[in-house]
N, C-alpha and C. Protein backbone atom coordinates (compact mmCIF):
# COMPACT_ATOMS: atom_id res chain seq x y z
N MET A 1 106.54 100.74 100.42
CA MET A 1 106.31 100.34 99.05
C MET A 1 105.64 98.90 99.15
N LEU A 2 104.70 98.68 98.47
CA LEU A 2 103.87 97.46 98.37
C LEU A 2 103.61 97.07 96.89
N ALA A 3 103.96 95.82 96.64
CA ALA A 3 103.63 95.18 95.31
C ALA A 3 102.70 93.83 95.64
N SER A 4 101.73 93.69 94.78
CA SER A 4 100.78 92.41 94.84
C SER A 4 100.51 92.00 93.50
N ALA A 5 100.45 90.71 93.49
CA ALA A 5 100.01 90.11 92.30
C ALA A 5 98.94 88.96 92.47
N GLU A 6 97.94 88.92 91.71
CA GLU A 6 96.83 87.96 92.00
C GLU A 6 96.40 87.32 90.75
N TYR A 7 96.29 85.92 90.64
CA TYR A 7 95.73 85.27 89.59
C TYR A 7 94.38 84.50 89.98
N ARG A 8 93.42 85.07 89.20
CA ARG A 8 92.05 84.42 89.54
C ARG A 8 91.62 83.37 88.42
N PHE A 9 90.93 82.28 88.80
CA PHE A 9 90.58 81.36 87.68
C PHE A 9 89.19 80.73 88.32
N PRO A 10 88.37 80.48 87.27
CA PRO A 10 86.97 79.68 87.58
C PRO A 10 87.41 78.31 88.04
N VAL A 11 86.44 77.80 88.98
CA VAL A 11 86.57 76.20 89.26
C VAL A 11 85.23 75.75 88.88
N LEU A 12 84.05 76.47 89.41
CA LEU A 12 82.68 76.23 88.86
C LEU A 12 81.96 77.38 88.66
N PRO A 13 80.72 77.35 88.25
CA PRO A 13 80.07 78.48 87.74
C PRO A 13 80.07 79.69 88.93
N ILE A 14 79.86 79.26 90.24
CA ILE A 14 79.75 80.11 91.30
C ILE A 14 80.93 80.03 92.25
N VAL A 15 82.03 79.26 91.85
CA VAL A 15 83.08 79.11 92.74
C VAL A 15 84.43 79.55 91.92
N GLY A 16 85.25 80.45 92.46
CA GLY A 16 86.57 80.53 91.76
C GLY A 16 87.82 80.34 92.80
N GLY A 17 88.96 80.21 92.21
CA GLY A 17 90.16 80.13 92.94
C GLY A 17 91.13 81.34 92.76
N VAL A 18 92.02 81.50 93.65
CA VAL A 18 93.04 82.65 93.39
C VAL A 18 94.30 82.35 94.02
N LEU A 19 95.29 82.53 93.40
CA LEU A 19 96.85 82.53 93.78
C LEU A 19 97.27 83.93 93.82
N PHE A 20 98.09 84.14 95.07
CA PHE A 20 98.44 85.61 95.22
C PHE A 20 99.94 85.52 95.76
N ALA A 21 100.58 86.77 95.60
CA ALA A 21 101.93 86.99 96.20
C ALA A 21 101.96 88.39 96.62
N ASP A 22 102.63 88.87 97.64
CA ASP A 22 102.73 90.13 98.27
C ASP A 22 104.04 90.36 98.73
N PHE A 23 104.65 91.64 98.41
CA PHE A 23 105.86 92.04 98.80
C PHE A 23 105.66 93.59 99.42
N ALA A 24 106.39 93.72 100.52
CA ALA A 24 106.29 95.09 101.11
C ALA A 24 107.65 95.42 101.75
N SER A 25 108.11 96.75 101.64
CA SER A 25 109.37 97.17 102.09
C SER A 25 109.26 98.60 102.74
N ASP A 26 109.87 98.88 103.85
CA ASP A 26 109.97 100.21 104.37
C ASP A 26 110.97 101.04 103.80
N LEU A 27 111.70 100.48 102.83
CA LEU A 27 112.77 101.21 102.15
C LEU A 27 113.87 101.77 103.17
N GLY A 28 114.05 101.03 104.20
CA GLY A 28 115.18 101.45 105.00
C GLY A 28 114.69 102.58 106.11
N SER A 29 113.40 102.94 106.18
CA SER A 29 113.00 104.00 106.88
C SER A 29 112.57 103.64 108.30
N GLY A 30 112.49 102.27 108.62
CA GLY A 30 112.06 101.83 109.80
C GLY A 30 112.57 102.31 111.07
N ASP A 31 113.90 102.57 111.04
CA ASP A 31 114.59 103.01 112.37
C ASP A 31 114.25 104.51 112.40
N THR A 32 113.67 105.33 111.53
CA THR A 32 113.45 106.64 111.63
C THR A 32 112.22 107.05 112.28
N VAL A 33 111.39 105.91 112.36
CA VAL A 33 110.14 106.04 112.92
C VAL A 33 110.14 106.24 114.50
N LEU A 34 109.53 107.16 115.14
CA LEU A 34 109.71 107.40 116.60
C LEU A 34 109.37 106.25 117.31
N GLY A 35 110.32 105.72 118.18
CA GLY A 35 110.24 104.53 119.11
C GLY A 35 110.75 103.18 118.22
N ASP A 36 111.08 103.39 116.90
CA ASP A 36 111.53 102.21 116.23
C ASP A 36 110.73 101.01 116.34
N PRO A 37 109.50 101.10 116.03
CA PRO A 37 108.63 99.73 116.36
C PRO A 37 109.12 98.58 115.52
N ALA A 38 109.62 98.67 114.38
CA ALA A 38 110.00 97.48 113.78
C ALA A 38 111.29 96.83 114.54
N GLY A 39 112.20 97.65 114.98
CA GLY A 39 113.33 97.37 115.72
C GLY A 39 112.87 96.54 117.01
N VAL A 40 112.12 97.22 117.68
CA VAL A 40 111.73 96.72 119.00
C VAL A 40 110.88 95.29 118.70
N ARG A 41 110.11 95.10 117.62
CA ARG A 41 109.52 93.83 117.39
C ARG A 41 110.28 92.90 116.87
N GLY A 42 111.53 93.37 116.42
CA GLY A 42 112.56 92.25 115.77
C GLY A 42 112.12 92.13 114.33
N LYS A 43 111.32 93.01 113.81
CA LYS A 43 110.77 92.69 112.42
C LYS A 43 111.73 93.35 111.32
N ALA A 44 112.03 92.61 110.31
CA ALA A 44 112.63 93.21 109.11
C ALA A 44 112.09 94.35 108.62
N GLY A 45 112.71 95.10 107.65
CA GLY A 45 112.00 96.30 107.01
C GLY A 45 111.53 95.83 105.81
N TYR A 46 111.21 94.48 105.57
CA TYR A 46 110.57 93.99 104.20
C TYR A 46 109.82 92.72 104.65
N GLY A 47 109.03 92.27 103.71
CA GLY A 47 108.33 91.13 103.90
C GLY A 47 107.73 90.49 102.70
N PHE A 48 107.68 89.05 102.35
CA PHE A 48 107.11 88.50 101.25
C PHE A 48 106.21 87.43 101.85
N GLY A 49 105.11 87.39 101.19
CA GLY A 49 104.10 86.36 101.40
C GLY A 49 103.42 85.75 100.15
N TYR A 50 102.89 84.57 100.22
CA TYR A 50 102.08 84.19 99.12
C TYR A 50 101.00 83.28 99.69
N GLY A 51 100.10 82.96 98.77
CA GLY A 51 99.00 82.02 99.31
C GLY A 51 97.84 81.69 98.17
N THR A 52 96.83 81.13 98.74
CA THR A 52 95.67 80.75 97.88
C THR A 52 94.57 81.14 98.53
N GLY A 53 93.40 81.04 97.68
CA GLY A 53 92.05 81.46 98.39
C GLY A 53 90.91 80.82 97.43
N VAL A 54 89.79 81.06 98.03
CA VAL A 54 88.56 80.60 97.35
C VAL A 54 87.55 81.67 97.34
N ARG A 55 86.79 81.86 96.17
CA ARG A 55 85.88 82.80 96.09
C ARG A 55 84.46 82.14 95.76
N LEU A 56 83.41 82.57 96.57
CA LEU A 56 82.11 82.08 96.24
C LEU A 56 81.15 82.99 96.15
N ASN A 57 80.57 83.07 94.81
CA ASN A 57 79.42 84.04 94.51
C ASN A 57 78.02 83.57 95.03
N SER A 58 77.76 83.86 96.36
CA SER A 58 76.58 83.39 96.78
C SER A 58 75.30 84.44 96.55
N PRO A 59 74.21 84.11 96.91
CA PRO A 59 73.10 84.93 96.81
C PRO A 59 73.22 86.26 97.81
N LEU A 60 74.07 86.07 98.79
CA LEU A 60 74.24 86.91 99.73
C LEU A 60 75.29 87.92 99.44
N GLY A 61 76.11 87.53 98.30
CA GLY A 61 77.21 88.31 98.04
C GLY A 61 78.60 87.65 97.96
N LEU A 62 79.65 88.09 97.60
CA LEU A 62 80.83 87.46 97.48
C LEU A 62 81.33 86.85 98.99
N ILE A 63 81.73 85.66 98.98
CA ILE A 63 82.28 85.09 100.16
C ILE A 63 83.67 84.57 99.84
N ARG A 64 84.71 84.96 100.56
CA ARG A 64 86.04 84.67 100.27
C ARG A 64 86.71 84.20 101.38
N ALA A 65 87.64 83.43 100.98
CA ALA A 65 88.61 82.74 102.30
C ALA A 65 89.99 82.69 101.73
N ASP A 66 90.99 83.17 102.34
CA ASP A 66 92.36 83.29 101.94
C ASP A 66 93.28 82.61 102.79
N TYR A 67 94.43 82.06 102.48
CA TYR A 67 95.37 81.29 103.27
C TYR A 67 96.62 81.72 102.81
N GLY A 68 97.45 82.42 103.74
CA GLY A 68 98.70 82.99 103.40
C GLY A 68 99.92 82.52 104.18
N ILE A 69 101.02 82.47 103.48
CA ILE A 69 102.30 82.05 104.18
C ILE A 69 103.37 83.19 104.03
N ASN A 70 103.99 83.48 105.05
CA ASN A 70 105.14 84.51 104.86
C ASN A 70 106.51 83.90 104.59
N GLU A 71 107.43 84.64 104.46
CA GLU A 71 108.73 84.37 104.02
C GLU A 71 109.39 83.45 105.40
N LEU A 72 108.92 83.79 106.54
CA LEU A 72 109.45 82.94 107.63
C LEU A 72 108.56 81.70 107.94
N TRP A 73 107.66 81.40 107.12
CA TRP A 73 106.74 80.08 107.17
C TRP A 73 105.87 80.44 108.32
N GLY A 74 105.34 81.56 108.58
CA GLY A 74 104.36 81.91 109.48
C GLY A 74 103.15 81.91 108.74
N PHE A 75 102.11 81.33 109.29
CA PHE A 75 100.89 81.29 108.66
C PHE A 75 99.76 82.02 109.18
N LYS A 76 99.03 82.76 108.48
CA LYS A 76 97.89 83.56 108.88
C LYS A 76 97.02 83.82 107.70
N SER A 77 95.76 84.30 108.11
CA SER A 77 94.76 84.72 107.04
C SER A 77 95.01 86.22 106.78
N PRO A 78 95.35 86.41 105.39
CA PRO A 78 95.69 87.70 105.13
C PRO A 78 94.67 88.87 105.32
N ALA A 79 94.89 90.03 105.82
CA ALA A 79 93.82 90.97 105.87
C ALA A 79 93.96 91.87 104.46
N ARG A 80 92.96 92.13 103.77
CA ARG A 80 92.95 92.82 102.59
C ARG A 80 91.87 93.98 102.58
């Protein structure tokens, strides 16, 4: 299960900002997967993250950069 929320807002005519939050869960089915990859990696069956981003409407197309933080305060650029 995956849930996402995103709030977009204008900053300048060609620049926008975004705030986002994501939640995911395997609904307790992680240990039923062959090899128990979640258990082997010590990963919980759920996760929560939030972050911010910038959107630039350039002549070449949309350029975006996001910065996310997970519930364990691990930092990474979210793949979307």
